[in-house]
N, C-alpha and C. Protein backbone atom coordinates (compact mmCIF):
# COMPACT_ATOMS: atom_id res chain seq x y z
N UNK A 1 14.19 370.22 211.82
CA UNK A 1 13.91 369.90 213.22
C UNK A 1 15.20 369.88 214.03
N UNK A 2 15.19 370.50 215.19
CA UNK A 2 16.35 370.48 216.06
C UNK A 2 16.62 369.06 216.53
N UNK A 3 17.88 368.73 216.68
CA UNK A 3 18.27 367.41 217.16
C UNK A 3 17.78 367.21 218.58
N UNK A 4 17.10 366.11 218.82
CA UNK A 4 16.56 365.82 220.15
C UNK A 4 17.60 365.09 220.99
N UNK A 5 17.35 365.06 222.27
CA UNK A 5 18.22 364.33 223.19
C UNK A 5 18.24 362.85 222.82
N UNK A 6 19.41 362.23 222.71
CA UNK A 6 19.45 360.79 222.40
C UNK A 6 18.68 359.98 223.45
N UNK A 7 18.06 358.91 223.00
CA UNK A 7 17.32 358.04 223.91
C UNK A 7 18.32 357.18 224.68
N UNK A 8 18.29 357.19 226.00
CA UNK A 8 19.34 356.54 226.80
C UNK A 8 19.14 355.03 226.95
N UNK A 9 19.26 354.31 225.84
CA UNK A 9 19.01 352.86 225.87
C UNK A 9 20.29 352.04 226.06
N UNK A 10 21.46 352.62 225.80
CA UNK A 10 22.68 351.81 225.77
C UNK A 10 23.03 351.21 227.13
N UNK A 11 22.78 351.97 228.20
CA UNK A 11 23.08 351.43 229.54
C UNK A 11 22.19 350.23 229.86
N UNK A 12 20.97 350.25 229.34
CA UNK A 12 20.06 349.11 229.55
C UNK A 12 20.65 347.86 228.89
N UNK A 13 21.04 347.99 227.63
CA UNK A 13 21.60 346.85 226.91
C UNK A 13 22.91 346.38 227.52
N UNK A 14 23.75 347.33 227.93
CA UNK A 14 25.02 346.97 228.55
C UNK A 14 24.81 346.21 229.85
N UNK A 15 23.67 346.45 230.50
CA UNK A 15 23.36 345.73 231.74
C UNK A 15 22.69 344.39 231.52
N UNK A 16 22.57 343.99 230.27
CA UNK A 16 22.02 342.66 229.97
C UNK A 16 20.52 342.61 229.80
N UNK A 17 19.87 343.79 229.77
CA UNK A 17 18.42 343.83 229.55
C UNK A 17 18.13 344.30 228.13
N UNK A 18 16.89 344.10 227.71
CA UNK A 18 16.48 344.53 226.37
C UNK A 18 15.76 345.86 226.48
N UNK A 19 16.23 346.89 225.78
CA UNK A 19 15.52 348.17 225.78
C UNK A 19 14.24 348.06 224.95
N UNK A 20 13.16 348.62 225.49
CA UNK A 20 11.87 348.62 224.81
C UNK A 20 11.33 350.04 224.78
N UNK A 21 10.97 350.51 223.58
CA UNK A 21 10.33 351.81 223.44
C UNK A 21 8.88 351.60 223.03
N UNK A 22 7.96 351.98 223.90
CA UNK A 22 6.53 351.97 223.58
C UNK A 22 6.15 353.34 223.07
N UNK A 23 5.42 353.38 221.97
CA UNK A 23 5.05 354.63 221.33
C UNK A 23 3.53 354.67 221.14
N UNK A 24 2.92 355.77 221.53
CA UNK A 24 1.50 355.92 221.22
C UNK A 24 1.36 356.44 219.77
N UNK A 25 0.34 355.98 219.10
CA UNK A 25 0.09 356.40 217.72
C UNK A 25 -0.15 357.91 217.62
N UNK A 26 -0.08 358.44 216.40
CA UNK A 26 -0.40 359.84 216.14
C UNK A 26 -1.88 360.13 216.28
N UNK A 27 -2.22 361.41 216.18
CA UNK A 27 -3.59 361.87 216.44
C UNK A 27 -4.58 361.40 215.37
N UNK A 28 -5.80 361.16 215.79
CA UNK A 28 -6.91 360.84 214.89
C UNK A 28 -8.07 361.80 215.15
N UNK A 29 -9.06 361.77 214.28
CA UNK A 29 -10.24 362.60 214.49
C UNK A 29 -10.95 362.21 215.78
N UNK A 30 -10.90 360.95 216.15
CA UNK A 30 -11.52 360.51 217.40
C UNK A 30 -10.89 361.14 218.62
N UNK A 31 -9.56 361.35 218.59
CA UNK A 31 -8.89 362.04 219.69
C UNK A 31 -9.36 363.47 219.80
N UNK A 32 -9.49 364.16 218.66
CA UNK A 32 -9.92 365.56 218.65
C UNK A 32 -11.34 365.69 219.18
N UNK A 33 -12.20 364.78 218.77
CA UNK A 33 -13.62 364.83 219.16
C UNK A 33 -13.88 364.19 220.51
N UNK A 34 -12.83 363.68 221.15
CA UNK A 34 -12.90 363.08 222.48
C UNK A 34 -13.93 361.94 222.51
N UNK A 35 -13.77 361.04 221.55
CA UNK A 35 -14.62 359.86 221.47
C UNK A 35 -13.91 358.65 222.06
N UNK A 36 -14.68 357.66 222.47
CA UNK A 36 -14.11 356.38 222.86
C UNK A 36 -13.66 355.68 221.58
N UNK A 37 -12.37 355.49 221.44
CA UNK A 37 -11.83 354.86 220.24
C UNK A 37 -10.97 353.68 220.68
N UNK A 38 -11.54 352.51 220.65
CA UNK A 38 -10.81 351.30 221.00
C UNK A 38 -10.42 350.55 219.75
N UNK A 39 -11.34 349.72 219.29
CA UNK A 39 -11.08 348.93 218.09
C UNK A 39 -11.55 349.61 216.81
N UNK A 40 -12.18 350.80 216.91
CA UNK A 40 -12.51 351.53 215.68
C UNK A 40 -11.22 351.77 214.90
N UNK A 41 -11.22 351.45 213.62
CA UNK A 41 -9.98 351.47 212.87
C UNK A 41 -9.80 352.80 212.15
N UNK A 42 -9.63 353.87 212.93
CA UNK A 42 -9.50 355.20 212.37
C UNK A 42 -8.08 355.45 211.85
N UNK A 43 -7.95 356.21 210.77
CA UNK A 43 -6.62 356.60 210.28
C UNK A 43 -6.12 357.82 211.04
N UNK A 44 -4.85 358.13 210.87
CA UNK A 44 -4.31 359.39 211.38
C UNK A 44 -4.96 360.55 210.64
N UNK A 45 -5.16 361.66 211.36
CA UNK A 45 -5.57 362.88 210.66
C UNK A 45 -4.30 363.61 210.19
N UNK A 46 -4.48 364.78 209.55
CA UNK A 46 -3.33 365.50 208.99
C UNK A 46 -2.31 365.85 210.07
N UNK A 47 -2.81 366.31 211.21
CA UNK A 47 -1.91 366.66 212.32
C UNK A 47 -1.20 365.41 212.83
N UNK A 48 -1.93 364.30 212.90
CA UNK A 48 -1.33 363.05 213.36
C UNK A 48 -0.22 362.57 212.44
N UNK A 49 -0.38 362.80 211.14
CA UNK A 49 0.68 362.44 210.19
C UNK A 49 1.93 363.29 210.43
N UNK A 50 1.74 364.57 210.75
CA UNK A 50 2.87 365.44 211.06
C UNK A 50 3.58 364.95 212.33
N UNK A 51 2.79 364.59 213.33
CA UNK A 51 3.39 364.06 214.56
C UNK A 51 4.21 362.81 214.26
N UNK A 52 3.63 361.90 213.47
CA UNK A 52 4.32 360.65 213.15
C UNK A 52 5.60 360.92 212.37
N UNK A 53 5.57 361.90 211.48
CA UNK A 53 6.76 362.22 210.70
C UNK A 53 7.87 362.78 211.59
N UNK A 54 7.50 363.67 212.52
CA UNK A 54 8.50 364.23 213.45
C UNK A 54 9.07 363.14 214.34
N UNK A 55 8.21 362.23 214.79
CA UNK A 55 8.70 361.10 215.60
C UNK A 55 9.69 360.25 214.80
N UNK A 56 9.33 359.96 213.54
CA UNK A 56 10.20 359.14 212.71
C UNK A 56 11.52 359.84 212.43
N UNK A 57 11.49 361.17 212.22
CA UNK A 57 12.73 361.91 212.03
C UNK A 57 13.64 361.76 213.25
N UNK A 58 13.05 361.83 214.41
CA UNK A 58 13.85 361.65 215.63
C UNK A 58 14.43 360.25 215.71
N UNK A 59 13.60 359.24 215.41
CA UNK A 59 14.05 357.87 215.56
C UNK A 59 15.11 357.48 214.53
N UNK A 60 15.16 358.19 213.40
CA UNK A 60 16.17 357.86 212.39
C UNK A 60 17.58 358.18 212.87
N UNK A 61 17.69 358.94 213.95
CA UNK A 61 19.00 359.18 214.55
C UNK A 61 19.40 358.05 215.49
N UNK A 62 18.47 357.11 215.72
CA UNK A 62 18.70 356.00 216.64
C UNK A 62 18.83 354.69 215.87
N UNK A 63 19.67 353.80 216.36
CA UNK A 63 19.67 352.43 215.87
C UNK A 63 18.56 351.67 216.58
N UNK A 64 17.80 350.87 215.85
CA UNK A 64 16.74 350.07 216.50
C UNK A 64 16.94 348.60 216.17
N UNK A 65 16.45 347.77 217.09
CA UNK A 65 16.60 346.32 216.92
C UNK A 65 15.38 345.63 216.36
N UNK A 66 14.28 346.36 216.20
CA UNK A 66 13.06 345.78 215.66
C UNK A 66 11.94 346.80 215.74
N UNK A 67 10.99 346.71 214.81
CA UNK A 67 9.86 347.63 214.76
C UNK A 67 8.57 346.83 214.67
N UNK A 68 7.69 347.05 215.64
CA UNK A 68 6.42 346.33 215.73
C UNK A 68 5.29 347.34 215.89
N UNK A 69 4.09 346.89 215.55
CA UNK A 69 2.92 347.76 215.65
C UNK A 69 1.69 346.94 215.97
N UNK A 70 0.76 347.56 216.68
CA UNK A 70 -0.61 347.06 216.75
C UNK A 70 -1.14 346.93 215.33
N UNK A 71 -2.10 346.05 215.14
CA UNK A 71 -2.70 345.87 213.81
C UNK A 71 -3.68 346.98 213.44
N UNK A 72 -4.06 347.84 214.38
CA UNK A 72 -4.99 348.92 214.07
C UNK A 72 -4.29 349.98 213.21
N UNK A 73 -5.06 350.57 212.29
CA UNK A 73 -4.50 351.41 211.24
C UNK A 73 -3.72 352.60 211.78
N UNK A 74 -4.23 353.24 212.84
CA UNK A 74 -3.56 354.45 213.35
C UNK A 74 -2.18 354.14 213.89
N UNK A 75 -2.01 352.97 214.50
CA UNK A 75 -0.69 352.57 214.99
C UNK A 75 0.20 352.14 213.83
N UNK A 76 -0.36 351.36 212.91
CA UNK A 76 0.43 350.89 211.77
C UNK A 76 0.91 352.06 210.92
N UNK A 77 0.03 353.05 210.68
CA UNK A 77 0.43 354.22 209.90
C UNK A 77 1.56 354.99 210.57
N UNK A 78 1.47 355.11 211.89
CA UNK A 78 2.53 355.81 212.63
C UNK A 78 3.86 355.08 212.46
N UNK A 79 3.85 353.78 212.66
CA UNK A 79 5.08 352.99 212.52
C UNK A 79 5.66 353.08 211.12
N UNK A 80 4.78 353.10 210.11
CA UNK A 80 5.25 353.10 208.72
C UNK A 80 5.99 354.37 208.34
N UNK A 81 5.86 355.43 209.13
CA UNK A 81 6.68 356.61 208.88
C UNK A 81 8.16 356.31 209.13
N UNK A 82 8.43 355.29 209.93
CA UNK A 82 9.81 354.90 210.22
C UNK A 82 10.25 353.73 209.35
N UNK A 83 9.35 352.79 209.11
CA UNK A 83 9.68 351.60 208.32
C UNK A 83 8.56 350.60 208.39
N UNK A 84 8.66 349.49 207.67
CA UNK A 84 7.59 348.48 207.70
C UNK A 84 7.61 347.71 209.02
N UNK A 85 6.52 347.78 209.79
CA UNK A 85 6.49 347.08 211.08
C UNK A 85 5.98 345.65 210.96
N UNK A 86 6.34 344.84 211.92
CA UNK A 86 5.67 343.55 212.12
C UNK A 86 4.43 343.81 212.98
N UNK A 87 3.31 343.21 212.63
CA UNK A 87 2.04 343.52 213.28
C UNK A 87 1.74 342.54 214.41
N UNK A 88 1.26 343.09 215.53
CA UNK A 88 0.95 342.29 216.72
C UNK A 88 -0.49 342.56 217.14
N UNK A 89 -1.37 341.59 216.93
CA UNK A 89 -2.77 341.75 217.32
C UNK A 89 -2.92 341.88 218.83
N UNK A 90 -1.98 341.34 219.58
CA UNK A 90 -2.06 341.40 221.04
C UNK A 90 -1.93 342.81 221.58
N UNK A 91 -1.47 343.76 220.76
CA UNK A 91 -1.25 345.13 221.21
C UNK A 91 -2.31 346.09 220.69
N UNK A 92 -3.47 345.55 220.25
CA UNK A 92 -4.59 346.41 219.92
C UNK A 92 -5.08 347.13 221.17
N UNK A 93 -5.79 348.24 220.96
CA UNK A 93 -6.33 349.01 222.08
C UNK A 93 -7.41 348.21 222.82
N UNK A 94 -7.69 348.63 224.03
CA UNK A 94 -8.79 348.07 224.82
C UNK A 94 -10.06 348.02 223.97
N UNK A 95 -10.70 346.87 223.94
CA UNK A 95 -11.98 346.73 223.24
C UNK A 95 -13.06 347.43 224.07
N UNK A 96 -13.58 348.54 223.58
CA UNK A 96 -14.51 349.36 224.35
C UNK A 96 -15.98 349.12 223.99
N UNK A 97 -16.23 348.03 223.28
CA UNK A 97 -17.59 347.54 223.12
C UNK A 97 -18.61 348.58 222.71
N UNK A 98 -19.68 348.69 223.52
CA UNK A 98 -20.79 349.59 223.19
C UNK A 98 -20.40 351.07 223.27
N UNK A 99 -19.24 351.36 223.85
CA UNK A 99 -18.80 352.75 223.95
C UNK A 99 -18.14 353.25 222.67
N UNK A 100 -17.74 352.35 221.81
CA UNK A 100 -16.95 352.71 220.63
C UNK A 100 -17.62 353.81 219.81
N UNK A 101 -16.84 354.84 219.52
CA UNK A 101 -17.30 355.92 218.67
C UNK A 101 -18.12 356.98 219.37
N UNK A 102 -18.46 356.78 220.63
CA UNK A 102 -19.31 357.73 221.34
C UNK A 102 -18.49 358.71 222.16
N UNK A 103 -19.06 359.84 222.43
CA UNK A 103 -18.49 360.78 223.40
C UNK A 103 -19.17 360.56 224.73
N UNK A 104 -18.45 360.88 225.81
CA UNK A 104 -19.03 360.68 227.15
C UNK A 104 -20.35 361.45 227.28
N UNK A 105 -20.38 362.65 226.71
CA UNK A 105 -21.57 363.50 226.84
C UNK A 105 -22.79 362.89 226.16
N UNK A 106 -22.56 361.97 225.22
CA UNK A 106 -23.67 361.41 224.44
C UNK A 106 -24.07 360.01 224.90
N UNK A 107 -23.48 359.52 225.98
CA UNK A 107 -23.76 358.15 226.40
C UNK A 107 -25.20 357.99 226.88
N UNK A 108 -25.72 356.80 226.65
CA UNK A 108 -27.03 356.42 227.20
C UNK A 108 -26.94 356.56 228.72
N UNK A 109 -27.88 357.25 229.36
CA UNK A 109 -27.85 357.39 230.82
C UNK A 109 -27.74 356.05 231.56
N UNK A 110 -28.20 354.98 230.91
CA UNK A 110 -28.13 353.67 231.54
C UNK A 110 -26.68 353.21 231.73
N UNK A 111 -25.74 353.81 230.97
CA UNK A 111 -24.34 353.43 231.06
C UNK A 111 -23.57 354.23 232.11
N UNK A 112 -24.18 355.26 232.65
CA UNK A 112 -23.44 356.13 233.57
C UNK A 112 -23.04 355.41 234.85
N UNK A 113 -23.88 354.52 235.34
CA UNK A 113 -23.53 353.76 236.54
C UNK A 113 -22.33 352.86 236.25
N UNK A 114 -22.34 352.23 235.07
CA UNK A 114 -21.20 351.40 234.68
C UNK A 114 -19.92 352.25 234.60
N UNK A 115 -20.02 353.44 233.99
CA UNK A 115 -18.84 354.28 233.84
C UNK A 115 -18.27 354.69 235.19
N UNK A 116 -19.15 354.98 236.14
CA UNK A 116 -18.68 355.34 237.48
C UNK A 116 -17.92 354.18 238.12
N UNK A 117 -18.45 352.97 237.96
CA UNK A 117 -17.77 351.79 238.51
C UNK A 117 -16.45 351.53 237.79
N UNK A 118 -16.44 351.73 236.46
CA UNK A 118 -15.22 351.49 235.69
C UNK A 118 -14.12 352.46 236.10
N UNK A 119 -14.48 353.71 236.32
CA UNK A 119 -13.48 354.70 236.73
C UNK A 119 -12.93 354.38 238.12
N UNK A 120 -13.74 353.74 238.95
CA UNK A 120 -13.29 353.38 240.30
C UNK A 120 -12.28 352.24 240.24
N UNK A 121 -12.57 351.22 239.43
CA UNK A 121 -11.63 350.11 239.27
C UNK A 121 -11.98 349.32 238.00
N UNK A 122 -11.22 349.52 236.92
CA UNK A 122 -11.51 348.85 235.65
C UNK A 122 -10.85 347.49 235.50
N UNK A 123 -10.18 347.00 236.54
CA UNK A 123 -9.36 345.81 236.39
C UNK A 123 -10.13 344.62 235.83
N UNK A 124 -11.24 344.29 236.47
CA UNK A 124 -12.00 343.10 236.08
C UNK A 124 -13.39 343.43 235.56
N UNK A 125 -13.67 344.70 235.36
CA UNK A 125 -14.99 345.12 234.92
C UNK A 125 -15.00 345.23 233.40
N UNK A 126 -15.75 344.38 232.74
CA UNK A 126 -15.79 344.36 231.28
C UNK A 126 -16.71 345.46 230.76
N UNK A 127 -16.22 346.20 229.78
CA UNK A 127 -17.10 347.09 229.03
C UNK A 127 -18.14 346.22 228.34
N UNK A 128 -19.44 346.58 228.36
CA UNK A 128 -20.44 345.76 227.67
C UNK A 128 -20.04 345.50 226.21
N UNK A 129 -20.01 344.24 225.83
CA UNK A 129 -19.59 343.80 224.49
C UNK A 129 -18.11 344.08 224.23
N UNK A 130 -17.34 344.38 225.28
CA UNK A 130 -15.92 344.65 225.14
C UNK A 130 -15.10 343.79 226.08
N UNK A 131 -14.07 344.38 226.69
CA UNK A 131 -13.20 343.63 227.59
C UNK A 131 -12.82 344.47 228.80
N UNK A 132 -12.25 343.83 229.80
CA UNK A 132 -11.77 344.53 230.98
C UNK A 132 -10.35 345.02 230.72
N UNK A 133 -9.93 346.00 231.52
CA UNK A 133 -8.56 346.50 231.39
C UNK A 133 -7.57 345.42 231.80
N UNK A 134 -7.95 344.58 232.76
CA UNK A 134 -7.07 343.48 233.15
C UNK A 134 -6.81 342.52 232.00
N UNK A 135 -7.84 342.24 231.22
CA UNK A 135 -7.67 341.36 230.05
C UNK A 135 -6.78 342.01 229.01
N UNK A 136 -6.98 343.32 228.81
CA UNK A 136 -6.13 344.08 227.87
C UNK A 136 -4.68 344.02 228.31
N UNK A 137 -4.44 344.26 229.59
CA UNK A 137 -3.07 344.22 230.12
C UNK A 137 -2.44 342.84 229.94
N UNK A 138 -3.21 341.80 230.27
CA UNK A 138 -2.65 340.44 230.23
C UNK A 138 -2.22 340.05 228.82
N UNK A 139 -3.06 340.36 227.82
CA UNK A 139 -2.69 339.98 226.45
C UNK A 139 -1.51 340.84 225.96
N UNK A 140 -1.48 342.13 226.38
CA UNK A 140 -0.38 342.99 225.97
C UNK A 140 0.95 342.53 226.58
N UNK A 141 0.94 342.24 227.87
CA UNK A 141 2.15 341.76 228.53
C UNK A 141 2.62 340.46 227.90
N UNK A 142 1.69 339.55 227.62
CA UNK A 142 2.06 338.29 227.00
C UNK A 142 2.66 338.51 225.61
N UNK A 143 2.02 339.38 224.82
CA UNK A 143 2.53 339.65 223.48
C UNK A 143 3.90 340.30 223.49
N UNK A 144 4.09 341.27 224.38
CA UNK A 144 5.39 341.92 224.49
C UNK A 144 6.46 340.94 224.94
N UNK A 145 6.14 340.12 225.94
CA UNK A 145 7.11 339.17 226.47
C UNK A 145 7.53 338.17 225.39
N UNK A 146 6.57 337.64 224.66
CA UNK A 146 6.90 336.69 223.59
C UNK A 146 7.77 337.35 222.52
N UNK A 147 7.47 338.59 222.21
CA UNK A 147 8.25 339.32 221.20
C UNK A 147 9.68 339.57 221.68
N UNK A 148 9.82 340.03 222.91
CA UNK A 148 11.14 340.36 223.43
C UNK A 148 12.02 339.13 223.62
N UNK A 149 11.40 337.99 223.88
CA UNK A 149 12.18 336.75 224.01
C UNK A 149 12.91 336.39 222.73
N UNK A 150 12.46 336.91 221.60
CA UNK A 150 13.09 336.62 220.32
C UNK A 150 14.29 337.53 220.04
N UNK A 151 14.60 338.43 220.98
CA UNK A 151 15.69 339.39 220.79
C UNK A 151 16.73 339.24 221.89
N UNK A 152 17.89 339.80 221.63
CA UNK A 152 18.99 339.85 222.60
C UNK A 152 19.20 341.29 223.02
N UNK A 153 19.88 341.53 224.17
CA UNK A 153 20.20 342.91 224.54
C UNK A 153 20.97 343.61 223.43
N UNK A 154 20.54 344.82 223.12
CA UNK A 154 21.13 345.58 222.03
C UNK A 154 20.29 346.80 221.76
N UNK A 155 20.23 347.29 220.54
CA UNK A 155 19.41 348.45 220.22
C UNK A 155 17.95 348.21 220.58
N UNK A 156 17.20 349.26 220.86
CA UNK A 156 15.84 349.11 221.39
C UNK A 156 14.87 348.49 220.40
N UNK A 157 13.92 347.75 220.97
CA UNK A 157 12.77 347.25 220.23
C UNK A 157 11.68 348.32 220.32
N UNK A 158 11.16 348.74 219.19
CA UNK A 158 10.18 349.82 219.12
C UNK A 158 8.82 349.23 218.84
N UNK A 159 7.83 349.58 219.67
CA UNK A 159 6.46 349.06 219.53
C UNK A 159 5.49 350.23 219.52
N UNK A 160 4.74 350.38 218.44
CA UNK A 160 3.74 351.44 218.35
C UNK A 160 2.38 350.86 218.74
N UNK A 161 1.76 351.46 219.74
CA UNK A 161 0.53 350.90 220.29
C UNK A 161 -0.40 352.01 220.76
N UNK A 162 -1.09 351.83 221.90
CA UNK A 162 -2.22 352.67 222.27
C UNK A 162 -2.16 353.06 223.75
N UNK A 163 -2.95 354.08 224.10
CA UNK A 163 -2.93 354.65 225.45
C UNK A 163 -3.20 353.61 226.54
N UNK A 164 -4.29 352.87 226.44
CA UNK A 164 -4.64 351.95 227.51
C UNK A 164 -3.64 350.81 227.62
N UNK A 165 -3.12 350.36 226.50
CA UNK A 165 -2.09 349.33 226.52
C UNK A 165 -0.85 349.86 227.25
N UNK A 166 -0.39 351.04 226.86
CA UNK A 166 0.81 351.60 227.46
C UNK A 166 0.62 351.85 228.95
N UNK A 167 -0.51 352.44 229.31
CA UNK A 167 -0.75 352.75 230.72
C UNK A 167 -0.80 351.49 231.57
N UNK A 168 -1.44 350.45 231.06
CA UNK A 168 -1.55 349.21 231.85
C UNK A 168 -0.20 348.52 231.99
N UNK A 169 0.62 348.58 230.97
CA UNK A 169 1.97 348.00 231.06
C UNK A 169 2.81 348.79 232.07
N UNK A 170 2.73 350.11 232.02
CA UNK A 170 3.50 350.94 232.95
C UNK A 170 3.09 350.66 234.40
N UNK A 171 1.80 350.62 234.65
CA UNK A 171 1.34 350.36 236.02
C UNK A 171 1.80 348.99 236.51
N UNK A 172 1.76 348.00 235.63
CA UNK A 172 2.24 346.66 236.01
C UNK A 172 3.73 346.70 236.31
N UNK A 173 4.48 347.43 235.50
CA UNK A 173 5.93 347.49 235.68
C UNK A 173 6.31 348.12 237.02
N UNK A 174 5.55 349.12 237.46
CA UNK A 174 5.89 349.81 238.71
C UNK A 174 5.13 349.24 239.91
N UNK A 175 4.33 348.20 239.67
CA UNK A 175 3.66 347.51 240.77
C UNK A 175 2.45 348.22 241.32
N UNK A 176 1.77 349.03 240.50
CA UNK A 176 0.56 349.72 240.94
C UNK A 176 -0.68 349.08 240.33
N UNK A 177 -1.81 349.11 241.04
CA UNK A 177 -3.04 348.53 240.50
C UNK A 177 -3.58 349.32 239.32
N UNK A 178 -4.36 348.65 238.50
CA UNK A 178 -4.91 349.28 237.31
C UNK A 178 -5.93 350.37 237.60
N UNK A 179 -6.39 350.47 238.82
CA UNK A 179 -7.34 351.54 239.14
C UNK A 179 -6.69 352.93 239.03
N UNK A 180 -5.37 352.97 238.94
CA UNK A 180 -4.66 354.24 238.77
C UNK A 180 -4.42 354.58 237.30
N UNK A 181 -5.11 353.91 236.38
CA UNK A 181 -4.84 354.06 234.96
C UNK A 181 -5.01 355.51 234.50
N UNK A 182 -5.92 356.26 235.10
CA UNK A 182 -6.16 357.63 234.65
C UNK A 182 -5.02 358.58 235.02
N UNK A 183 -4.09 358.12 235.84
CA UNK A 183 -2.94 358.95 236.20
C UNK A 183 -1.78 358.81 235.22
N UNK A 184 -1.86 357.83 234.33
CA UNK A 184 -0.78 357.56 233.39
C UNK A 184 -1.24 357.99 232.00
N UNK A 185 -0.86 359.19 231.61
CA UNK A 185 -1.32 359.76 230.34
C UNK A 185 -0.17 359.88 229.35
N UNK A 186 -0.52 359.73 228.09
CA UNK A 186 0.46 359.87 227.01
C UNK A 186 -0.11 360.74 225.91
N UNK A 187 0.66 361.72 225.46
CA UNK A 187 0.27 362.46 224.27
C UNK A 187 0.48 361.59 223.03
N UNK A 188 -0.09 362.02 221.92
CA UNK A 188 0.10 361.28 220.68
C UNK A 188 1.57 361.30 220.27
N UNK A 189 2.08 360.16 219.89
CA UNK A 189 3.48 359.84 219.56
C UNK A 189 4.43 359.97 220.75
N UNK A 190 3.88 360.02 221.96
CA UNK A 190 4.74 359.98 223.15
C UNK A 190 5.41 358.62 223.27
N UNK A 191 6.62 358.62 223.86
CA UNK A 191 7.39 357.39 224.01
C UNK A 191 7.67 357.11 225.48
N UNK A 192 7.59 355.83 225.84
CA UNK A 192 8.05 355.33 227.13
C UNK A 192 9.25 354.42 226.89
N UNK A 193 10.29 354.58 227.68
CA UNK A 193 11.46 353.70 227.60
C UNK A 193 11.43 352.74 228.78
N UNK A 194 11.47 351.44 228.49
CA UNK A 194 11.48 350.41 229.51
C UNK A 194 12.67 349.48 229.29
N UNK A 195 13.01 348.75 230.33
CA UNK A 195 14.01 347.69 230.25
C UNK A 195 13.30 346.37 230.56
N UNK A 196 13.67 345.32 229.85
CA UNK A 196 13.04 344.01 230.09
C UNK A 196 14.10 342.92 230.16
N UNK A 197 13.89 342.02 231.11
CA UNK A 197 14.66 340.78 231.17
C UNK A 197 13.74 339.66 231.66
N UNK A 198 14.09 338.45 231.32
CA UNK A 198 13.29 337.30 231.76
C UNK A 198 13.24 337.23 233.28
N UNK A 199 14.34 337.59 233.93
CA UNK A 199 14.43 337.50 235.38
C UNK A 199 13.60 338.58 236.08
N UNK A 200 13.72 339.82 235.63
CA UNK A 200 13.14 340.95 236.35
C UNK A 200 11.89 341.55 235.70
N UNK A 201 11.51 341.07 234.53
CA UNK A 201 10.34 341.62 233.87
C UNK A 201 10.61 343.02 233.35
N UNK A 202 9.61 343.90 233.46
CA UNK A 202 9.70 345.25 232.91
C UNK A 202 10.10 346.26 233.97
N UNK A 203 11.00 347.18 233.61
CA UNK A 203 11.34 348.31 234.46
C UNK A 203 11.16 349.59 233.65
N UNK A 204 10.62 350.62 234.30
CA UNK A 204 10.35 351.88 233.61
C UNK A 204 11.54 352.83 233.78
N UNK A 205 12.02 353.36 232.65
CA UNK A 205 13.15 354.27 232.67
C UNK A 205 12.76 355.71 232.33
N UNK A 206 11.77 355.88 231.46
CA UNK A 206 11.36 357.22 231.03
C UNK A 206 9.92 357.17 230.54
N UNK A 207 9.15 358.23 230.85
CA UNK A 207 7.73 358.26 230.51
C UNK A 207 7.37 359.48 229.66
N UNK A 208 6.43 359.28 228.74
CA UNK A 208 5.76 360.37 228.01
C UNK A 208 6.75 361.34 227.38
N UNK A 209 7.74 360.81 226.69
CA UNK A 209 8.76 361.63 226.03
C UNK A 209 8.18 362.14 224.71
N UNK A 210 7.99 363.47 224.62
CA UNK A 210 7.45 364.08 223.40
C UNK A 210 8.37 365.19 222.90
N UNK A 211 9.63 365.08 223.14
CA UNK A 211 10.59 366.13 222.79
C UNK A 211 10.56 366.45 221.29
N UNK A 212 10.28 365.45 220.47
CA UNK A 212 10.25 365.66 219.02
C UNK A 212 9.12 366.56 218.55
N UNK A 213 8.14 366.82 219.44
CA UNK A 213 6.99 367.66 219.08
C UNK A 213 7.13 369.10 219.57
N UNK A 214 8.28 369.45 220.09
CA UNK A 214 8.40 370.74 220.77
C UNK A 214 8.20 371.92 219.84
N UNK A 215 8.44 371.74 218.53
CA UNK A 215 8.26 372.86 217.59
C UNK A 215 7.01 372.73 216.74
N UNK A 216 6.18 371.72 217.03
CA UNK A 216 4.97 371.50 216.25
C UNK A 216 3.88 372.46 216.67
N UNK A 217 3.30 373.14 215.72
CA UNK A 217 2.21 374.09 216.00
C UNK A 217 0.88 373.37 215.90
């Protein structure tokens, strides 16, 4: 694999903030089949394992200050390509309730009105038998904040998690409402670089970095 551009975390640490790298897990069969996959505990597929390996190869050129993962298998497997992660239940994917495992095309027509409302503004609208995006964001922000408080400025803290978690954190960091969640997309094993401090919270430095996948077929 060609050497990728170094991740620009040192200026963040030198400025007294903690660098944070959020990583989306590798691909699963649910991603390929375009299913709602929240708390379904799917493993990586063969392609997803290749993505995770390329990501880990890239990260081995970087010094890291800690490695954490959602407790869901697809995130944990991705992290394990780099090393043994500490598991954080607060960074599980959005609980998608009755939607879990289904494709949009196969939904009960009775759910279509809910889906239209959710796409308009998912902040406080709970998926039936699931949770709202606002609740997902709040637990993720709390979990990340508690984790980062245990570290000092230095090499980045790496957290492997999920699309909705990452998107909601990014929107919060830039001060945009969660109704814009569909505009914040991440490919599998994409990385976001953020800076965090107790005083200023989260700042976004880089989004959807997938340079390590440039030669993947």
